[in-house]
Amino acid sequence: MDTYQQCQRDLTELAAALSSLGLWESSPPSSEALSSTEPFAIDTLSCSQWLQWIFIPRMGMLVENRLPLPSAMAISPYVEEALQGIDGHQAIVAVTRNIDRLFGE
């Protein structure tokens, strides 16, 4: 399995983990909230919103079009901290750790 296929599998697993914990939303945040320039859109979105509405779509677009992928990534520390009060959050953290490792953490 190449890196693109592995990334797509991880993104699908991440979406499923968000959904299984009831964190998948049916309506997007406002365009203003999605326009944040802060890391992880921390000023306008929750962690799960950032994953659903920014991270998964952007990474999915790179994978689908076989565009260059990041050479390094470290999102799991943020995800672990942001979701620590949510029961079952470890499933989401585990997937984000896999993604970090895929890109050489």
C-alpha atoms as a PDB file:
ATOM      1  CA  MET A   1       0.000   0.000   0.000  1.00  0.00           C
ATOM      2  CA  ASP A   2       1.525   3.328  -1.003  1.00  0.00           C
ATOM      3  CA  THR A   3       1.465   6.487   1.102  1.00  0.00           C
ATOM      4  CA  TYR A   4      -1.572   7.897  -0.722  1.00  0.00           C
ATOM      5  CA  GLN A   5      -3.584   4.734  -0.129  1.00  0.00           C
ATOM      6  CA  GLN A   6      -2.513   4.578   3.516  1.00  0.00           C
ATOM      7  CA  CYS A   7      -3.429   8.222   4.028  1.00  0.00           C
ATOM      8  CA  GLN A   8      -6.861   7.694   2.452  1.00  0.00           C
ATOM      9  CA  ARG A   9      -7.443   4.693   4.698  1.00  0.00           C
ATOM     10  CA  ASP A  10      -6.453   6.724   7.768  1.00  0.00           C
ATOM     11  CA  LEU A  11      -8.690   9.654   6.762  1.00  0.00           C
ATOM     12  CA  THR A  12     -11.628   7.273   6.331  1.00  0.00           C
ATOM     13  CA  GLU A  13     -10.882   5.733   9.725  1.00  0.00           C
ATOM     14  CA  LEU A  14     -10.637   9.201  11.289  1.00  0.00           C
ATOM     15  CA  ALA A  15     -14.040  10.198   9.897  1.00  0.00           C
ATOM     16  CA  ALA A  16     -15.534   6.952  11.208  1.00  0.00           C
ATOM     17  CA  ALA A  17     -14.033   7.531  14.669  1.00  0.00           C
ATOM     18  CA  LEU A  18     -15.445  11.063  14.803  1.00  0.00           C
ATOM     19  CA  SER A  19     -18.833   9.756  13.744  1.00  0.00           C
ATOM     20  CA  SER A  20     -18.864   6.894  16.226  1.00  0.00           C
ATOM     21  CA  LEU A  21     -18.283   9.357  19.069  1.00  0.00           C
ATOM     22  CA  GLY A  22     -21.072  11.638  17.850  1.00  0.00           C
ATOM     23  CA  LEU A  23     -18.620  14.354  16.837  1.00  0.00           C
ATOM     24  CA  TRP A  24     -19.431  14.335  13.107  1.00  0.00           C
ATOM     25  CA  GLU A  25     -21.581  17.331  12.237  1.00  0.00           C
ATOM     26  CA  SER A  26     -24.171  17.536   9.465  1.00  0.00           C
ATOM     27  CA  SER A  27     -23.842  21.292   8.907  1.00  0.00           C
ATOM     28  CA  PRO A  28     -20.595  23.151   8.332  1.00  0.00           C
ATOM     29  CA  PRO A  29     -19.482  26.043  10.507  1.00  0.00           C
ATOM     30  CA  SER A  30     -19.818  29.565   9.100  1.00  0.00           C
ATOM     31  CA  SER A  31     -17.476  30.646   6.321  1.00  0.00           C
ATOM     32  CA  GLU A  32     -15.937  33.087   8.772  1.00  0.00           C
ATOM     33  CA  ALA A  33     -15.116  30.274  11.190  1.00  0.00           C
ATOM     34  CA  LEU A  34     -13.590  28.235   8.366  1.00  0.00           C
ATOM     35  CA  SER A  35     -11.466  31.226   7.295  1.00  0.00           C
ATOM     36  CA  SER A  36      -9.382  31.304  10.456  1.00  0.00           C
ATOM     37  CA  THR A  37      -5.659  31.760   9.958  1.00  0.00           C
ATOM     38  CA  GLU A  38      -4.766  30.411  13.410  1.00  0.00           C
ATOM     39  CA  PRO A  39      -3.191  26.957  13.707  1.00  0.00           C
ATOM     40  CA  PHE A  40      -5.944  24.339  13.897  1.00  0.00           C
ATOM     41  CA  ALA A  41      -8.429  27.252  13.562  1.00  0.00           C
ATOM     42  CA  ILE A  42      -8.242  27.200  17.327  1.00  0.00           C
ATOM     43  CA  ASP A  43      -9.933  30.584  17.609  1.00  0.00           C
ATOM     44  CA  THR A  44     -13.085  29.572  15.732  1.00  0.00           C
ATOM     45  CA  LEU A  45     -13.441  25.765  15.577  1.00  0.00           C
ATOM     46  CA  SER A  46     -13.402  22.886  17.999  1.00  0.00           C
ATOM     47  CA  CYS A  47     -10.837  20.173  17.362  1.00  0.00           C
ATOM     48  CA  SER A  48     -13.426  17.832  15.887  1.00  0.00           C
ATOM     49  CA  GLN A  49     -14.714  20.598  13.609  1.00  0.00           C
ATOM     50  CA  TRP A  50     -11.186  21.335  12.422  1.00  0.00           C
ATOM     51  CA  LEU A  51     -10.619  17.658  11.676  1.00  0.00           C
ATOM     52  CA  GLN A  52     -13.939  17.291   9.838  1.00  0.00           C
ATOM     53  CA  TRP A  53     -14.146  20.549   7.924  1.00  0.00           C
ATOM     54  CA  ILE A  54     -10.505  21.453   7.276  1.00  0.00           C
ATOM     55  CA  PHE A  55      -8.037  18.615   7.821  1.00  0.00           C
ATOM     56  CA  ILE A  56      -9.888  15.668   6.274  1.00  0.00           C
ATOM     57  CA  PRO A  57     -11.061  17.582   3.160  1.00  0.00           C
ATOM     58  CA  ARG A  58      -7.666  19.192   2.491  1.00  0.00           C
ATOM     59  CA  MET A  59      -5.714  15.997   2.971  1.00  0.00           C
ATOM     60  CA  GLY A  60      -8.316  14.117   0.941  1.00  0.00           C
ATOM     61  CA  MET A  61      -7.879  16.570  -1.934  1.00  0.00           C
ATOM     62  CA  LEU A  62      -4.101  16.050  -1.880  1.00  0.00           C
ATOM     63  CA  VAL A  63      -4.561  12.281  -1.883  1.00  0.00           C
ATOM     64  CA  GLU A  64      -7.251  12.251  -4.574  1.00  0.00           C
ATOM     65  CA  ASN A  65      -5.164  14.387  -6.903  1.00  0.00           C
ATOM     66  CA  ARG A  66      -1.889  12.731  -5.929  1.00  0.00           C
ATOM     67  CA  LEU A  67      -0.413  16.104  -5.053  1.00  0.00           C
ATOM     68  CA  PRO A  68       2.674  16.398  -2.845  1.00  0.00           C
ATOM     69  CA  LEU A  69       1.941  15.340   0.709  1.00  0.00           C
ATOM     70  CA  PRO A  70       3.426  16.973   3.823  1.00  0.00           C
ATOM     71  CA  SER A  71       6.950  15.922   4.697  1.00  0.00           C
ATOM     72  CA  ALA A  72       6.229  16.171   8.424  1.00  0.00           C
ATOM     73  CA  MET A  73       3.140  16.409  10.580  1.00  0.00           C
ATOM     74  CA  ALA A  74       2.348  16.443  14.279  1.00  0.00           C
ATOM     75  CA  ILE A  75      -1.383  16.860  14.876  1.00  0.00           C
ATOM     76  CA  SER A  76      -1.845  14.136  17.483  1.00  0.00           C
ATOM     77  CA  PRO A  77      -0.538  16.173  20.460  1.00  0.00           C
ATOM     78  CA  TYR A  78      -3.159  18.857  19.767  1.00  0.00           C
ATOM     79  CA  VAL A  79      -5.901  16.283  19.224  1.00  0.00           C
ATOM     80  CA  GLU A  80      -5.020  14.426  22.410  1.00  0.00           C
ATOM     81  CA  GLU A  81      -5.070  17.618  24.478  1.00  0.00           C
ATOM     82  CA  ALA A  82      -8.216  19.053  22.885  1.00  0.00           C
ATOM     83  CA  LEU A  83     -10.292  15.885  23.166  1.00  0.00           C
ATOM     84  CA  GLN A  84      -9.070  14.574  26.524  1.00  0.00           C
ATOM     85  CA  GLY A  85     -12.439  15.148  28.215  1.00  0.00           C
ATOM     86  CA  ILE A  86     -14.360  13.076  25.667  1.00  0.00           C
ATOM     87  CA  ASP A  87     -14.914   9.399  26.431  1.00  0.00           C
ATOM     88  CA  GLY A  88     -13.476   7.260  23.681  1.00  0.00           C
ATOM     89  CA  HIS A  89     -11.217   9.989  22.312  1.00  0.00           C
ATOM     90  CA  GLN A  90      -8.321   7.522  22.240  1.00  0.00           C
ATOM     91  CA  ALA A  91      -9.627   6.094  18.962  1.00  0.00           C
ATOM     92  CA  ILE A  92      -9.265   9.490  17.298  1.00  0.00           C
ATOM     93  CA  VAL A  93      -5.851  10.063  18.865  1.00  0.00           C
ATOM     94  CA  ALA A  94      -4.672   6.660  17.635  1.00  0.00           C
ATOM     95  CA  VAL A  95      -5.610   7.472  14.045  1.00  0.00           C
ATOM     96  CA  THR A  96      -3.958  10.888  14.193  1.00  0.00           C
ATOM     97  CA  ARG A  97      -0.799   9.256  15.571  1.00  0.00           C
ATOM     98  CA  ASN A  98      -0.841   6.901  12.579  1.00  0.00           C
ATOM     99  CA  ILE A  99      -1.128   9.911  10.274  1.00  0.00           C
ATOM    100  CA  ASP A 100       1.736  11.674  12.070  1.00  0.00           C
ATOM    101  CA  ARG A 101       3.914   8.564  11.699  1.00  0.00           C
ATOM    102  CA  LEU A 102       3.006   8.270   8.027  1.00  0.00           C
ATOM    103  CA  PHE A 103       4.517  11.698   7.460  1.00  0.00           C
ATOM    104  CA  GLY A 104       7.554  11.247   9.631  1.00  0.00           C
ATOM    105  CA  GLU A 105       6.270  13.004  12.756  1.00  0.00           C
END
